Amino acid sequence: MPRTKLLEILFVVAAGLGLLFVGWAVFTGNTSAPPPASVLPTAAPTPTPTIPPPPTPTPQPITLTVLHTNDTWGYVRPCG
């Protein structure tokens, strides 16, 4: 079989497979082009429930005790 005849047969087989894959993609709906916006269904907005947020706790007063001493002997004469 001449070489050009073999190349023609391979070209025809490749073209046929390409058409087969393109046809299958169109048939099954696997096309890369998105449908026009007029065809896309629009979903109705769902009402969101309005739940009031929980109340924020108010800061509570704290009790602070300050201990004071004027004993500085530990700085001047260390223990021991």
C-alpha atoms as a PDB file:
ATOM      1  CA  MET A   1       0.000   0.000   0.000  1.00  0.00           C
ATOM      2  CA  PRO A   2       1.505   3.364  -0.947  1.00  0.00           C
ATOM      3  CA  ARG A   3       2.345   5.759   1.842  1.00  0.00           C
ATOM      4  CA  THR A   4      -0.043   8.491   0.635  1.00  0.00           C
ATOM      5  CA  LYS A   5      -2.947   6.050   0.649  1.00  0.00           C
ATOM      6  CA  LEU A   6      -2.161   5.117   4.274  1.00  0.00           C
ATOM      7  CA  LEU A   7      -2.056   8.816   5.270  1.00  0.00           C
ATOM      8  CA  GLU A   8      -5.405   9.409   3.561  1.00  0.00           C
ATOM      9  CA  ILE A   9      -6.963   6.520   5.472  1.00  0.00           C
ATOM     10  CA  LEU A  10      -5.543   7.795   8.790  1.00  0.00           C
ATOM     11  CA  PHE A  11      -6.824  11.306   8.035  1.00  0.00           C
ATOM     12  CA  VAL A  12     -10.319  10.007   7.277  1.00  0.00           C
ATOM     13  CA  VAL A  13     -10.352   7.883  10.454  1.00  0.00           C
ATOM     14  CA  ALA A  14      -9.141  10.843  12.579  1.00  0.00           C
ATOM     15  CA  ALA A  15     -11.738  13.169  11.040  1.00  0.00           C
ATOM     16  CA  GLY A  16     -14.462  10.582  11.612  1.00  0.00           C
ATOM     17  CA  LEU A  17     -13.485  10.125  15.256  1.00  0.00           C
ATOM     18  CA  GLY A  18     -13.380  13.895  15.732  1.00  0.00           C
ATOM     19  CA  LEU A  19     -16.879  14.257  14.313  1.00  0.00           C
ATOM     20  CA  LEU A  20     -18.041  11.355  16.460  1.00  0.00           C
ATOM     21  CA  PHE A  21     -16.720  12.990  19.658  1.00  0.00           C
ATOM     22  CA  VAL A  22     -18.169  16.395  18.765  1.00  0.00           C
ATOM     23  CA  GLY A  23     -21.519  14.838  17.948  1.00  0.00           C
ATOM     24  CA  TRP A  24     -21.507  12.881  21.195  1.00  0.00           C
ATOM     25  CA  ALA A  25     -20.717  16.031  23.183  1.00  0.00           C
ATOM     26  CA  VAL A  26     -23.571  17.915  21.540  1.00  0.00           C
ATOM     27  CA  PHE A  27     -25.931  14.975  21.944  1.00  0.00           C
ATOM     28  CA  THR A  28     -25.232  14.571  25.656  1.00  0.00           C
ATOM     29  CA  GLY A  29     -25.211  18.312  26.339  1.00  0.00           C
ATOM     30  CA  ASN A  30     -21.519  18.503  27.278  1.00  0.00           C
ATOM     31  CA  THR A  31     -20.742  21.592  25.255  1.00  0.00           C
ATOM     32  CA  SER A  32     -18.320  24.195  26.487  1.00  0.00           C
ATOM     33  CA  ALA A  33     -20.499  27.143  25.409  1.00  0.00           C
ATOM     34  CA  PRO A  34     -22.915  28.253  28.144  1.00  0.00           C
ATOM     35  CA  PRO A  35     -26.566  28.664  27.184  1.00  0.00           C
ATOM     36  CA  PRO A  36     -27.858  32.197  26.617  1.00  0.00           C
ATOM     37  CA  ALA A  37     -29.066  34.095  29.665  1.00  0.00           C
ATOM     38  CA  SER A  38     -32.653  34.069  28.404  1.00  0.00           C
ATOM     39  CA  VAL A  39     -32.681  30.247  28.503  1.00  0.00           C
ATOM     40  CA  LEU A  40     -31.319  29.904  32.040  1.00  0.00           C
ATOM     41  CA  PRO A  41     -34.043  29.364  34.640  1.00  0.00           C
ATOM     42  CA  THR A  42     -34.284  31.990  37.313  1.00  0.00           C
ATOM     43  CA  ALA A  43     -34.825  30.795  40.839  1.00  0.00           C
ATOM     44  CA  ALA A  44     -37.384  32.547  42.944  1.00  0.00           C
ATOM     45  CA  PRO A  45     -35.822  34.280  45.931  1.00  0.00           C
ATOM     46  CA  THR A  46     -36.373  32.403  49.128  1.00  0.00           C
ATOM     47  CA  PRO A  47     -37.476  34.478  52.079  1.00  0.00           C
ATOM     48  CA  THR A  48     -34.880  34.551  54.803  1.00  0.00           C
ATOM     49  CA  PRO A  49     -36.192  34.312  58.336  1.00  0.00           C
ATOM     50  CA  THR A  50     -35.529  37.389  60.406  1.00  0.00           C
ATOM     51  CA  ILE A  51     -34.259  36.064  63.706  1.00  0.00           C
ATOM     52  CA  PRO A  52     -33.236  38.806  66.099  1.00  0.00           C
ATOM     53  CA  PRO A  53     -29.665  38.481  67.316  1.00  0.00           C
ATOM     54  CA  PRO A  54     -29.178  37.413  70.921  1.00  0.00           C
ATOM     55  CA  PRO A  55     -28.713  40.305  73.332  1.00  0.00           C
ATOM     56  CA  THR A  56     -25.148  41.311  73.999  1.00  0.00           C
ATOM     57  CA  PRO A  57     -24.249  40.821  77.654  1.00  0.00           C
ATOM     58  CA  THR A  58     -23.458  44.058  79.429  1.00  0.00           C
ATOM     59  CA  PRO A  59     -20.148  44.313  81.281  1.00  0.00           C
ATOM     60  CA  GLN A  60     -20.505  43.536  84.960  1.00  0.00           C
ATOM     61  CA  PRO A  61     -18.705  45.616  87.599  1.00  0.00           C
ATOM     62  CA  ILE A  62     -15.710  43.946  89.190  1.00  0.00           C
ATOM     63  CA  THR A  63     -14.447  44.133  92.745  1.00  0.00           C
ATOM     64  CA  LEU A  64     -10.851  45.276  93.010  1.00  0.00           C
ATOM     65  CA  THR A  65      -8.896  45.170  96.245  1.00  0.00           C
ATOM     66  CA  VAL A  66      -5.641  47.149  96.421  1.00  0.00           C
ATOM     67  CA  LEU A  67      -3.155  46.036  99.052  1.00  0.00           C
ATOM     68  CA  HIS A  68      -0.575  48.639 100.031  1.00  0.00           C
ATOM     69  CA  THR A  69       2.313  48.486 102.422  1.00  0.00           C
ATOM     70  CA  ASN A  70       5.229  50.781 103.133  1.00  0.00           C
ATOM     71  CA  ASP A  71       7.478  47.920 104.174  1.00  0.00           C
ATOM     72  CA  THR A  72      10.653  48.242 102.051  1.00  0.00           C
ATOM     73  CA  TRP A  73      13.033  46.273 104.252  1.00  0.00           C
ATOM     74  CA  GLY A  74      13.140  43.479 101.672  1.00  0.00           C
ATOM     75  CA  TYR A  75      14.803  45.872  99.229  1.00  0.00           C
ATOM     76  CA  VAL A  76      17.263  47.310 101.704  1.00  0.00           C
ATOM     77  CA  ARG A  77      18.094  44.210 103.790  1.00  0.00           C
ATOM     78  CA  PRO A  78      17.337  40.962 101.973  1.00  0.00           C
ATOM     79  CA  CYS A  79      16.087  38.065 104.021  1.00  0.00           C
ATOM     80  CA  GLY A  80      18.660  35.721 105.511  1.00  0.00           C
END
